[in-house]
């Protein structure tokens, strides 16, 4: 069984799967447009939840939220299913493939055999598309990979039923209704307003305030936890930012591309200027990641390295605060 499906590489898995599935259903929508309409950009610091023995930091909304918001704002319908039994999950997927329906899956990363070893860790919110099946393998379109690939029947079963936080429970999803005409203008404005609302939220651990909060915490980490633990916390922060999903800099670049597209659709020149500004902020997030990695690899020559990196993060937070206030005004 093989479904008609075109693989497009993307920067982030959930955006890429959504874009690829919708293109396959006749709606030409780019990855940045999915990300922007789906309000994927976020920052939240959760010190009371530990991931890999460090405080949880997320640079994006919860798994599934991006596609759900895109569907709601463009008036599409998506079907989502979770399963308690492996056989039911397999049967439902095979039934879709028989019916020529390429299907999105949420999976665990750890047992994805086509990933390099250094990228295989316990993270259960990865997304891919299954578009066919042979006697031994499933045909996989993973949007973060350059080309299509395969997983054996057992390997796919293992990643669909990975254990731990955000356990996918065999989750599969696919569009069941895509209108011929969609209102991109209204959806773009809703998406931007939602992102501005969360990034400027009056809560200490969310959005711009959350970035400032982490900056204050970083200053205290070495004295409070010792250098070894502080280094681990910093390393985990960079990993969440640059490797799990696309995080800090990468998400800013995608969001900048969204604003570029949105400026044309809305005929709004200010969004084009803000797109360039967001690209520069993305560069600063990348610089922060590089400096942070020097510290936790003990290669930083800076005497007061933790305060210096905290200053860098605070400067980013201040720039983002100004940016999102300008963005809110640009579409009001």
C-alpha atoms as a PDB file:
ATOM      1  CA  UNK A   1       0.000   0.000   0.000  1.00  0.00           C
ATOM      2  CA  UNK A   2       1.277   3.441  -0.910  1.00  0.00           C
ATOM      3  CA  UNK A   3      -0.611   6.707  -0.742  1.00  0.00           C
ATOM      4  CA  UNK A   4      -0.056   9.634  -3.121  1.00  0.00           C
ATOM      5  CA  UNK A   5       1.994  12.028  -0.987  1.00  0.00           C
ATOM      6  CA  UNK A   6       4.732  14.631  -1.526  1.00  0.00           C
ATOM      7  CA  UNK A   7       7.434  15.015   1.117  1.00  0.00           C
ATOM      8  CA  UNK A   8       8.599  18.571   1.919  1.00  0.00           C
ATOM      9  CA  UNK A   9      11.383  19.146   4.434  1.00  0.00           C
ATOM     10  CA  UNK A  10      10.662  21.647   7.211  1.00  0.00           C
ATOM     11  CA  UNK A  11      12.400  23.220  10.202  1.00  0.00           C
ATOM     12  CA  UNK A  12       9.998  21.836  12.805  1.00  0.00           C
ATOM     13  CA  UNK A  13       8.051  18.592  12.887  1.00  0.00           C
ATOM     14  CA  UNK A  14       4.507  19.663  13.843  1.00  0.00           C
ATOM     15  CA  UNK A  15       4.443  22.629  11.444  1.00  0.00           C
ATOM     16  CA  UNK A  16       5.875  20.414   8.702  1.00  0.00           C
ATOM     17  CA  UNK A  17       3.380  17.583   9.176  1.00  0.00           C
ATOM     18  CA  UNK A  18       0.447  20.032   9.243  1.00  0.00           C
ATOM     19  CA  UNK A  19       1.683  21.857   6.139  1.00  0.00           C
ATOM     20  CA  UNK A  20       2.377  18.599   4.244  1.00  0.00           C
ATOM     21  CA  UNK A  21      -0.992  17.033   5.147  1.00  0.00           C
ATOM     22  CA  UNK A  22      -2.898  20.196   4.161  1.00  0.00           C
ATOM     23  CA  UNK A  23      -0.970  20.546   0.885  1.00  0.00           C
ATOM     24  CA  UNK A  24      -1.870  16.934   0.174  1.00  0.00           C
ATOM     25  CA  UNK A  25      -5.541  17.861   0.778  1.00  0.00           C
ATOM     26  CA  UNK A  26      -5.346  20.735  -1.711  1.00  0.00           C
ATOM     27  CA  UNK A  27      -4.637  23.684   0.616  1.00  0.00           C
ATOM     28  CA  UNK A  28      -1.304  25.298  -0.253  1.00  0.00           C
ATOM     29  CA  UNK A  29      -0.027  26.545   3.107  1.00  0.00           C
ATOM     30  CA  UNK A  30       3.630  27.025   4.063  1.00  0.00           C
ATOM     31  CA  UNK A  31       5.315  25.902   7.270  1.00  0.00           C
ATOM     32  CA  UNK A  32       5.728  29.512   8.563  1.00  0.00           C
ATOM     33  CA  UNK A  33       2.033  30.228   7.866  1.00  0.00           C
ATOM     34  CA  UNK A  34       1.030  27.122   9.868  1.00  0.00           C
ATOM     35  CA  UNK A  35       3.289  28.238  12.730  1.00  0.00           C
ATOM     36  CA  UNK A  36       1.999  31.820  12.763  1.00  0.00           C
ATOM     37  CA  UNK A  37      -1.723  31.087  12.384  1.00  0.00           C
ATOM     38  CA  UNK A  38      -1.330  28.279  14.938  1.00  0.00           C
ATOM     39  CA  UNK A  39       0.368  30.659  17.422  1.00  0.00           C
ATOM     40  CA  UNK A  40       3.237  28.230  17.966  1.00  0.00           C
ATOM     41  CA  UNK A  41       5.632  30.773  19.502  1.00  0.00           C
ATOM     42  CA  UNK A  42       5.691  30.771  23.296  1.00  0.00           C
ATOM     43  CA  UNK A  43       8.001  30.855  26.291  1.00  0.00           C
ATOM     44  CA  UNK A  44       7.153  29.182  29.577  1.00  0.00           C
ATOM     45  CA  UNK A  45       9.386  28.292  32.533  1.00  0.00           C
ATOM     46  CA  UNK A  46       8.161  25.478  34.797  1.00  0.00           C
ATOM     47  CA  UNK A  47      10.638  25.104  37.694  1.00  0.00           C
ATOM     48  CA  UNK A  48       8.282  22.687  39.491  1.00  0.00           C
ATOM     49  CA  UNK A  49       8.505  20.198  36.584  1.00  0.00           C
ATOM     50  CA  UNK A  50      11.836  18.504  35.878  1.00  0.00           C
ATOM     51  CA  UNK A  51      12.893  17.315  32.426  1.00  0.00           C
ATOM     52  CA  UNK A  52      16.167  15.392  32.329  1.00  0.00           C
ATOM     53  CA  UNK A  53      16.787  16.497  35.977  1.00  0.00           C
ATOM     54  CA  UNK A  54      16.488  20.226  35.153  1.00  0.00           C
ATOM     55  CA  UNK A  55      13.641  22.778  35.289  1.00  0.00           C
ATOM     56  CA  UNK A  56      11.316  22.497  32.296  1.00  0.00           C
ATOM     57  CA  UNK A  57      11.474  25.294  29.732  1.00  0.00           C
ATOM     58  CA  UNK A  58       9.242  25.290  26.679  1.00  0.00           C
ATOM     59  CA  UNK A  59       9.586  27.544  23.660  1.00  0.00           C
ATOM     60  CA  UNK A  60       6.349  26.347  22.059  1.00  0.00           C
ATOM     61  CA  UNK A  61       2.712  25.533  22.796  1.00  0.00           C
ATOM     62  CA  UNK A  62       1.588  22.049  23.833  1.00  0.00           C
ATOM     63  CA  UNK A  63       1.870  19.226  21.257  1.00  0.00           C
ATOM     64  CA  UNK A  64      -1.083  19.284  18.860  1.00  0.00           C
ATOM     65  CA  UNK A  65      -2.078  22.872  19.661  1.00  0.00           C
ATOM     66  CA  UNK A  66      -0.553  24.387  16.517  1.00  0.00           C
ATOM     67  CA  UNK A  67      -2.534  22.174  14.113  1.00  0.00           C
ATOM     68  CA  UNK A  68      -5.708  22.468  16.245  1.00  0.00           C
ATOM     69  CA  UNK A  69      -5.575  26.280  16.149  1.00  0.00           C
ATOM     70  CA  UNK A  70      -4.858  26.294  12.406  1.00  0.00           C
ATOM     71  CA  UNK A  71      -7.916  24.062  11.887  1.00  0.00           C
ATOM     72  CA  UNK A  72     -10.117  26.261  14.058  1.00  0.00           C
ATOM     73  CA  UNK A  73      -8.972  29.535  12.445  1.00  0.00           C
ATOM     74  CA  UNK A  74      -9.197  28.276   8.845  1.00  0.00           C
ATOM     75  CA  UNK A  75     -12.428  26.340   9.413  1.00  0.00           C
ATOM     76  CA  UNK A  76     -10.899  22.907   8.706  1.00  0.00           C
ATOM     77  CA  UNK A  77     -11.747  19.636  10.407  1.00  0.00           C
ATOM     78  CA  UNK A  78      -9.110  17.276  11.767  1.00  0.00           C
ATOM     79  CA  UNK A  79      -9.734  13.843  13.212  1.00  0.00           C
ATOM     80  CA  UNK A  80      -7.560  12.779  16.170  1.00  0.00           C
ATOM     81  CA  UNK A  81      -7.533   9.315  17.732  1.00  0.00           C
ATOM     82  CA  UNK A  82      -5.666   7.740  20.657  1.00  0.00           C
ATOM     83  CA  UNK A  83      -5.642   4.040  21.451  1.00  0.00           C
ATOM     84  CA  UNK A  84      -5.317   1.824  24.486  1.00  0.00           C
ATOM     85  CA  UNK A  85      -4.416  -1.210  22.395  1.00  0.00           C
ATOM     86  CA  UNK A  86      -1.593  -1.654  19.877  1.00  0.00           C
ATOM     87  CA  UNK A  87      -3.683  -3.849  17.584  1.00  0.00           C
ATOM     88  CA  UNK A  88      -6.488  -1.242  17.355  1.00  0.00           C
ATOM     89  CA  UNK A  89      -3.922   1.495  16.597  1.00  0.00           C
ATOM     90  CA  UNK A  90      -2.317  -0.614  13.857  1.00  0.00           C
ATOM     91  CA  UNK A  91      -5.688  -1.541  12.373  1.00  0.00           C
ATOM     92  CA  UNK A  92      -6.848   2.104  12.252  1.00  0.00           C
ATOM     93  CA  UNK A  93      -3.632   3.245  10.563  1.00  0.00           C
ATOM     94  CA  UNK A  94      -3.727   0.416   8.007  1.00  0.00           C
ATOM     95  CA  UNK A  95      -7.373   1.224   7.265  1.00  0.00           C
ATOM     96  CA  UNK A  96      -6.410   4.847   6.506  1.00  0.00           C
ATOM     97  CA  UNK A  97      -3.627   3.734   4.187  1.00  0.00           C
ATOM     98  CA  UNK A  98      -6.059   1.431   2.353  1.00  0.00           C
ATOM     99  CA  UNK A  99      -8.322   4.469   1.930  1.00  0.00           C
ATOM    100  CA  UNK A 100      -5.460   6.561   0.496  1.00  0.00           C
ATOM    101  CA  UNK A 101      -5.217   8.797   3.599  1.00  0.00           C
ATOM    102  CA  UNK A 102      -1.672   9.842   4.619  1.00  0.00           C
ATOM    103  CA  UNK A 103      -1.734  10.030   8.415  1.00  0.00           C
ATOM    104  CA  UNK A 104       0.072  12.159  10.980  1.00  0.00           C
ATOM    105  CA  UNK A 105       1.400  10.425  14.089  1.00  0.00           C
ATOM    106  CA  UNK A 106       2.740  11.682  17.411  1.00  0.00           C
ATOM    107  CA  UNK A 107       5.700   9.478  18.394  1.00  0.00           C
ATOM    108  CA  UNK A 108       8.617   9.113  20.779  1.00  0.00           C
ATOM    109  CA  UNK A 109      12.044  10.116  19.468  1.00  0.00           C
ATOM    110  CA  UNK A 110      14.181   7.620  21.406  1.00  0.00           C
ATOM    111  CA  UNK A 111      13.525   4.608  19.176  1.00  0.00           C
ATOM    112  CA  UNK A 112      13.489   6.384  15.797  1.00  0.00           C
ATOM    113  CA  UNK A 113      16.202   4.285  14.174  1.00  0.00           C
ATOM    114  CA  UNK A 114      16.793   6.738  11.314  1.00  0.00           C
ATOM    115  CA  UNK A 115      17.774   9.516  13.775  1.00  0.00           C
ATOM    116  CA  UNK A 116      21.488   9.901  14.612  1.00  0.00           C
ATOM    117  CA  UNK A 117      22.267   8.598  18.128  1.00  0.00           C
ATOM    118  CA  UNK A 118      22.932  12.082  19.563  1.00  0.00           C
ATOM    119  CA  UNK A 119      19.349  13.135  18.719  1.00  0.00           C
ATOM    120  CA  UNK A 120      17.689  10.074  20.232  1.00  0.00           C
ATOM    121  CA  UNK A 121      16.471  10.942  23.715  1.00  0.00           C
ATOM    122  CA  UNK A 122      13.252  10.456  25.673  1.00  0.00           C
ATOM    123  CA  UNK A 123      10.949  13.018  24.061  1.00  0.00           C
ATOM    124  CA  UNK A 124       7.448  11.935  23.074  1.00  0.00           C
ATOM    125  CA  UNK A 125       6.107  14.895  21.105  1.00  0.00           C
ATOM    126  CA  UNK A 126       7.682  14.292  17.703  1.00  0.00           C
ATOM    127  CA  UNK A 127       5.470  14.227  14.598  1.00  0.00           C
ATOM    128  CA  UNK A 128       5.715  12.376  11.286  1.00  0.00           C
ATOM    129  CA  UNK A 129       3.504  11.144   8.439  1.00  0.00           C
ATOM    130  CA  UNK A 130       2.941   7.517   7.432  1.00  0.00           C
ATOM    131  CA  UNK A 131       2.058   7.286   3.739  1.00  0.00           C
ATOM    132  CA  UNK A 132       2.413   3.590   2.945  1.00  0.00           C
ATOM    133  CA  UNK A 133       3.159   0.053   4.062  1.00  0.00           C
ATOM    134  CA  UNK A 134       5.068  -2.941   2.706  1.00  0.00           C
ATOM    135  CA  UNK A 135       5.276  -6.495   4.063  1.00  0.00           C
ATOM    136  CA  UNK A 136       8.091  -5.461   6.417  1.00  0.00           C
ATOM    137  CA  UNK A 137       8.043  -1.650   6.711  1.00  0.00           C
ATOM    138  CA  UNK A 138       5.954   1.486   7.013  1.00  0.00           C
ATOM    139  CA  UNK A 139       6.839   4.339   4.642  1.00  0.00           C
ATOM    140  CA  UNK A 140       7.648   7.454   6.660  1.00  0.00           C
ATOM    141  CA  UNK A 141       7.729  11.136   5.744  1.00  0.00           C
ATOM    142  CA  UNK A 142       9.457  12.837   8.678  1.00  0.00           C
ATOM    143  CA  UNK A 143       9.540  16.542   7.763  1.00  0.00           C
ATOM    144  CA  UNK A 144      12.790  17.240   9.603  1.00  0.00           C
ATOM    145  CA  UNK A 145      14.553  14.713   7.349  1.00  0.00           C
ATOM    146  CA  UNK A 146      15.737  15.559   3.842  1.00  0.00           C
ATOM    147  CA  UNK A 147      14.118  12.528   2.217  1.00  0.00           C
ATOM    148  CA  UNK A 148      11.489   9.913   3.026  1.00  0.00           C
ATOM    149  CA  UNK A 149      12.488   6.903   5.120  1.00  0.00           C
ATOM    150  CA  UNK A 150      11.077   3.698   6.654  1.00  0.00           C
ATOM    151  CA  UNK A 151      10.451   2.007  10.000  1.00  0.00           C
ATOM    152  CA  UNK A 152       9.762  -1.700  10.447  1.00  0.00           C
ATOM    153  CA  UNK A 153       6.312  -2.652  11.766  1.00  0.00           C
ATOM    154  CA  UNK A 154       7.812  -3.316  15.220  1.00  0.00           C
ATOM    155  CA  UNK A 155       9.795  -0.051  15.246  1.00  0.00           C
ATOM    156  CA  UNK A 156       6.705   2.017  14.428  1.00  0.00           C
ATOM    157  CA  UNK A 157       4.729   0.215  17.129  1.00  0.00           C
ATOM    158  CA  UNK A 158       7.472   1.016  19.645  1.00  0.00           C
ATOM    159  CA  UNK A 159       7.560   4.769  18.879  1.00  0.00           C
ATOM    160  CA  UNK A 160       3.744   5.051  18.762  1.00  0.00           C
ATOM    161  CA  UNK A 161       3.498   3.566  22.251  1.00  0.00           C
ATOM    162  CA  UNK A 162       6.557   5.158  23.877  1.00  0.00           C
ATOM    163  CA  UNK A 163       6.210   5.596  27.645  1.00  0.00           C
ATOM    164  CA  UNK A 164       6.754   8.709  29.785  1.00  0.00           C
ATOM    165  CA  UNK A 165       5.674  12.376  29.649  1.00  0.00           C
ATOM    166  CA  UNK A 166       3.349  13.188  26.715  1.00  0.00           C
ATOM    167  CA  UNK A 167       3.068   9.440  25.976  1.00  0.00           C
ATOM    168  CA  UNK A 168       1.537   9.404  22.465  1.00  0.00           C
ATOM    169  CA  UNK A 169      -0.764   6.402  23.068  1.00  0.00           C
ATOM    170  CA  UNK A 170      -0.742   5.610  19.355  1.00  0.00           C
ATOM    171  CA  UNK A 171      -2.104   9.043  18.486  1.00  0.00           C
ATOM    172  CA  UNK A 172      -2.932   9.589  14.827  1.00  0.00           C
ATOM    173  CA  UNK A 173      -4.507  12.596  13.109  1.00  0.00           C
ATOM    174  CA  UNK A 174      -5.457  13.746   9.628  1.00  0.00           C
ATOM    175  CA  UNK A 175      -7.654  16.349   7.899  1.00  0.00           C
ATOM    176  CA  UNK A 176     -11.181  15.150   7.078  1.00  0.00           C
ATOM    177  CA  UNK A 177     -12.592  18.410   5.705  1.00  0.00           C
ATOM    178  CA  UNK A 178     -10.696  21.178   3.896  1.00  0.00           C
ATOM    179  CA  UNK A 179     -12.812  23.929   2.267  1.00  0.00           C
ATOM    180  CA  UNK A 180     -11.962  25.159  -1.231  1.00  0.00           C
ATOM    181  CA  UNK A 181     -11.672  28.748  -0.007  1.00  0.00           C
ATOM    182  CA  UNK A 182     -10.148  29.812   3.324  1.00  0.00           C
ATOM    183  CA  UNK A 183      -9.922  33.252   4.938  1.00  0.00           C
ATOM    184  CA  UNK A 184      -6.178  33.679   5.497  1.00  0.00           C
ATOM    185  CA  UNK A 185      -6.499  37.349   6.526  1.00  0.00           C
ATOM    186  CA  UNK A 186      -8.764  36.725   9.513  1.00  0.00           C
ATOM    187  CA  UNK A 187      -6.734  33.646  10.585  1.00  0.00           C
ATOM    188  CA  UNK A 188      -3.436  35.574  10.452  1.00  0.00           C
ATOM    189  CA  UNK A 189      -4.809  38.382  12.632  1.00  0.00           C
ATOM    190  CA  UNK A 190      -6.211  35.897  15.187  1.00  0.00           C
ATOM    191  CA  UNK A 191      -2.887  34.031  15.253  1.00  0.00           C
ATOM    192  CA  UNK A 192      -0.843  37.214  15.796  1.00  0.00           C
ATOM    193  CA  UNK A 193      -3.178  38.524  18.523  1.00  0.00           C
ATOM    194  CA  UNK A 194      -2.988  35.194  20.370  1.00  0.00           C
ATOM    195  CA  UNK A 195       0.839  35.154  20.249  1.00  0.00           C
ATOM    196  CA  UNK A 196       1.063  38.786  21.437  1.00  0.00           C
ATOM    197  CA  UNK A 197      -1.337  37.988  24.287  1.00  0.00           C
ATOM    198  CA  UNK A 198       0.748  35.068  25.578  1.00  0.00           C
ATOM    199  CA  UNK A 199       4.154  36.704  25.054  1.00  0.00           C
ATOM    200  CA  UNK A 200       2.982  39.842  26.911  1.00  0.00           C
ATOM    201  CA  UNK A 201       0.964  37.913  29.536  1.00  0.00           C
ATOM    202  CA  UNK A 202       1.073  39.428  33.063  1.00  0.00           C
ATOM    203  CA  UNK A 203       2.364  36.159  34.550  1.00  0.00           C
ATOM    204  CA  UNK A 204       5.864  35.687  35.992  1.00  0.00           C
ATOM    205  CA  UNK A 205       6.721  32.434  34.190  1.00  0.00           C
ATOM    206  CA  UNK A 206       5.118  33.027  30.770  1.00  0.00           C
ATOM    207  CA  UNK A 207       6.255  34.974  27.702  1.00  0.00           C
ATOM    208  CA  UNK A 208       8.598  37.943  28.080  1.00  0.00           C
ATOM    209  CA  UNK A 209       8.185  37.891  31.887  1.00  0.00           C
ATOM    210  CA  UNK A 210       9.190  34.222  31.866  1.00  0.00           C
ATOM    211  CA  UNK A 211      12.414  35.042  29.977  1.00  0.00           C
ATOM    212  CA  UNK A 212      13.225  37.767  32.541  1.00  0.00           C
ATOM    213  CA  UNK A 213      12.454  35.336  35.367  1.00  0.00           C
ATOM    214  CA  UNK A 214      14.913  32.759  33.972  1.00  0.00           C
ATOM    215  CA  UNK A 215      17.539  35.486  33.574  1.00  0.00           C
ATOM    216  CA  UNK A 216      17.247  36.231  37.334  1.00  0.00           C
ATOM    217  CA  UNK A 217      17.411  32.514  38.169  1.00  0.00           C
ATOM    218  CA  UNK A 218      20.543  31.939  36.051  1.00  0.00           C
ATOM    219  CA  UNK A 219      22.462  34.477  38.173  1.00  0.00           C
ATOM    220  CA  UNK A 220      21.730  32.388  41.287  1.00  0.00           C
ATOM    221  CA  UNK A 221      22.322  28.904  39.880  1.00  0.00           C
ATOM    222  CA  UNK A 222      26.086  28.545  40.590  1.00  0.00           C
ATOM    223  CA  UNK A 223      25.845  29.707  44.236  1.00  0.00           C
ATOM    224  CA  UNK A 224      22.589  27.854  44.899  1.00  0.00           C
ATOM    225  CA  UNK A 225      23.277  24.549  43.135  1.00  0.00           C
ATOM    226  CA  UNK A 226      27.042  24.419  42.589  1.00  0.00           C
ATOM    227  CA  UNK A 227      28.806  24.760  39.232  1.00  0.00           C
ATOM    228  CA  UNK A 228      28.203  21.212  38.047  1.00  0.00           C
ATOM    229  CA  UNK A 229      24.421  21.356  38.499  1.00  0.00           C
ATOM    230  CA  UNK A 230      24.261  24.935  37.182  1.00  0.00           C
ATOM    231  CA  UNK A 231      26.100  23.795  34.036  1.00  0.00           C
ATOM    232  CA  UNK A 232      23.629  20.929  33.627  1.00  0.00           C
ATOM    233  CA  UNK A 233      20.653  23.321  33.949  1.00  0.00           C
ATOM    234  CA  UNK A 234      22.171  25.642  31.352  1.00  0.00           C
ATOM    235  CA  UNK A 235      22.941  22.734  29.004  1.00  0.00           C
ATOM    236  CA  UNK A 236      19.339  21.512  29.291  1.00  0.00           C
ATOM    237  CA  UNK A 237      18.040  25.006  28.556  1.00  0.00           C
ATOM    238  CA  UNK A 238      20.090  25.164  25.346  1.00  0.00           C
ATOM    239  CA  UNK A 239      19.004  21.661  24.403  1.00  0.00           C
ATOM    240  CA  UNK A 240      15.325  22.613  24.779  1.00  0.00           C
ATOM    241  CA  UNK A 241      16.038  25.754  22.760  1.00  0.00           C
ATOM    242  CA  UNK A 242      18.084  24.396  19.878  1.00  0.00           C
ATOM    243  CA  UNK A 243      17.540  20.633  19.658  1.00  0.00           C
ATOM    244  CA  UNK A 244      14.113  19.616  20.999  1.00  0.00           C
ATOM    245  CA  UNK A 245      11.850  21.095  18.361  1.00  0.00           C
ATOM    246  CA  UNK A 246      13.513  24.201  17.049  1.00  0.00           C
ATOM    247  CA  UNK A 247      13.116  26.404  20.081  1.00  0.00           C
ATOM    248  CA  UNK A 248      14.595  29.833  20.521  1.00  0.00           C
ATOM    249  CA  UNK A 249      16.429  31.139  17.473  1.00  0.00           C
ATOM    250  CA  UNK A 250      14.891  28.703  14.997  1.00  0.00           C
ATOM    251  CA  UNK A 251      11.327  29.563  15.987  1.00  0.00           C
ATOM    252  CA  UNK A 252      12.091  33.286  15.661  1.00  0.00           C
ATOM    253  CA  UNK A 253      13.331  32.723  12.105  1.00  0.00           C
ATOM    254  CA  UNK A 254      10.147  30.776  11.235  1.00  0.00           C
ATOM    255  CA  UNK A 255       8.022  33.513  12.829  1.00  0.00           C
ATOM    256  CA  UNK A 256       9.912  36.172  10.838  1.00  0.00           C
ATOM    257  CA  UNK A 257       9.118  34.252   7.632  1.00  0.00           C
ATOM    258  CA  UNK A 258       5.450  34.130   8.696  1.00  0.00           C
ATOM    259  CA  UNK A 259       5.379  37.923   9.196  1.00  0.00           C
ATOM    260  CA  UNK A 260       6.976  38.369   5.756  1.00  0.00           C
ATOM    261  CA  UNK A 261       4.189  36.287   4.159  1.00  0.00           C
ATOM    262  CA  UNK A 262       1.526  37.963   6.295  1.00  0.00           C
ATOM    263  CA  UNK A 263       2.687  41.444   5.239  1.00  0.00           C
ATOM    264  CA  UNK A 264       1.900  40.561   1.603  1.00  0.00           C
ATOM    265  CA  UNK A 265      -1.499  38.950   2.332  1.00  0.00           C
ATOM    266  CA  UNK A 266      -2.609  41.801   4.619  1.00  0.00           C
ATOM    267  CA  UNK A 267      -0.913  44.542   2.578  1.00  0.00           C
ATOM    268  CA  UNK A 268       0.782  45.679   5.798  1.00  0.00           C
ATOM    269  CA  UNK A 269       4.287  47.110   5.297  1.00  0.00           C
ATOM    270  CA  UNK A 270       4.967  47.340   9.053  1.00  0.00           C
ATOM    271  CA  UNK A 271       4.869  43.533   9.311  1.00  0.00           C
ATOM    272  CA  UNK A 272       7.739  43.362   6.808  1.00  0.00           C
ATOM    273  CA  UNK A 273       9.842  45.675   9.025  1.00  0.00           C
ATOM    274  CA  UNK A 274       8.942  43.609  12.092  1.00  0.00           C
ATOM    275  CA  UNK A 275       9.931  40.448  10.207  1.00  0.00           C
ATOM    276  CA  UNK A 276      13.481  41.819   9.848  1.00  0.00           C
ATOM    277  CA  UNK A 277      13.538  42.765  13.536  1.00  0.00           C
ATOM    278  CA  UNK A 278      12.446  39.263  14.564  1.00  0.00           C
ATOM    279  CA  UNK A 279      15.249  37.765  12.440  1.00  0.00           C
ATOM    280  CA  UNK A 280      17.764  39.885  14.386  1.00  0.00           C
ATOM    281  CA  UNK A 281      16.233  38.730  17.688  1.00  0.00           C
ATOM    282  CA  UNK A 282      16.578  35.139  16.435  1.00  0.00           C
ATOM    283  CA  UNK A 283      20.299  35.803  15.836  1.00  0.00           C
ATOM    284  CA  UNK A 284      20.585  36.975  19.459  1.00  0.00           C
ATOM    285  CA  UNK A 285      18.974  33.745  20.718  1.00  0.00           C
ATOM    286  CA  UNK A 286      21.554  31.782  18.692  1.00  0.00           C
ATOM    287  CA  UNK A 287      24.385  33.914  20.148  1.00  0.00           C
ATOM    288  CA  UNK A 288      23.010  33.237  23.635  1.00  0.00           C
ATOM    289  CA  UNK A 289      23.052  29.474  22.940  1.00  0.00           C
ATOM    290  CA  UNK A 290      26.680  29.643  21.752  1.00  0.00           C
ATOM    291  CA  UNK A 291      27.812  31.626  24.825  1.00  0.00           C
ATOM    292  CA  UNK A 292      25.873  29.318  27.160  1.00  0.00           C
ATOM    293  CA  UNK A 293      27.462  26.237  25.575  1.00  0.00           C
ATOM    294  CA  UNK A 294      30.926  27.715  26.183  1.00  0.00           C
ATOM    295  CA  UNK A 295      30.086  27.997  29.884  1.00  0.00           C
ATOM    296  CA  UNK A 296      28.769  24.470  30.394  1.00  0.00           C
ATOM    297  CA  UNK A 297      31.624  23.005  28.348  1.00  0.00           C
ATOM    298  CA  UNK A 298      34.029  25.009  30.572  1.00  0.00           C
ATOM    299  CA  UNK A 299      35.444  26.939  27.619  1.00  0.00           C
ATOM    300  CA  UNK A 300      34.275  30.413  28.597  1.00  0.00           C
ATOM    301  CA  UNK A 301      37.045  32.898  29.370  1.00  0.00           C
ATOM    302  CA  UNK A 302      34.603  35.298  31.035  1.00  0.00           C
ATOM    303  CA  UNK A 303      35.178  35.703  34.771  1.00  0.00           C
ATOM    304  CA  UNK A 304      31.578  36.436  35.649  1.00  0.00           C
ATOM    305  CA  UNK A 305      30.157  34.138  32.978  1.00  0.00           C
ATOM    306  CA  UNK A 306      26.770  33.379  34.560  1.00  0.00           C
ATOM    307  CA  UNK A 307      25.948  37.055  35.139  1.00  0.00           C
ATOM    308  CA  UNK A 308      27.104  37.875  31.593  1.00  0.00           C
ATOM    309  CA  UNK A 309      24.823  35.217  30.082  1.00  0.00           C
ATOM    310  CA  UNK A 310      21.932  36.410  32.276  1.00  0.00           C
ATOM    311  CA  UNK A 311      22.483  39.963  30.996  1.00  0.00           C
ATOM    312  CA  UNK A 312      22.343  38.629  27.435  1.00  0.00           C
ATOM    313  CA  UNK A 313      19.033  36.864  28.121  1.00  0.00           C
ATOM    314  CA  UNK A 314      17.573  39.955  29.829  1.00  0.00           C
ATOM    315  CA  UNK A 315      18.484  42.065  26.779  1.00  0.00           C
ATOM    316  CA  UNK A 316      16.606  39.564  24.557  1.00  0.00           C
ATOM    317  CA  UNK A 317      13.554  39.741  26.852  1.00  0.00           C
ATOM    318  CA  UNK A 318      13.530  43.545  26.700  1.00  0.00           C
ATOM    319  CA  UNK A 319      13.789  43.517  22.904  1.00  0.00           C
ATOM    320  CA  UNK A 320      10.970  40.958  22.622  1.00  0.00           C
ATOM    321  CA  UNK A 321       8.762  43.044  24.918  1.00  0.00           C
ATOM    322  CA  UNK A 322       9.177  46.079  22.646  1.00  0.00           C
ATOM    323  CA  UNK A 323       8.738  43.876  19.562  1.00  0.00           C
ATOM    324  CA  UNK A 324       5.440  42.259  20.632  1.00  0.00           C
ATOM    325  CA  UNK A 325       3.990  45.623  21.712  1.00  0.00           C
ATOM    326  CA  UNK A 326       4.791  46.983  18.228  1.00  0.00           C
ATOM    327  CA  UNK A 327       3.362  43.857  16.583  1.00  0.00           C
ATOM    328  CA  UNK A 328       0.129  44.133  18.600  1.00  0.00           C
ATOM    329  CA  UNK A 329      -0.212  47.755  17.491  1.00  0.00           C
ATOM    330  CA  UNK A 330       0.554  46.907  13.838  1.00  0.00           C
ATOM    331  CA  UNK A 331      -2.533  44.694  13.473  1.00  0.00           C
ATOM    332  CA  UNK A 332      -4.962  46.513  15.793  1.00  0.00           C
END
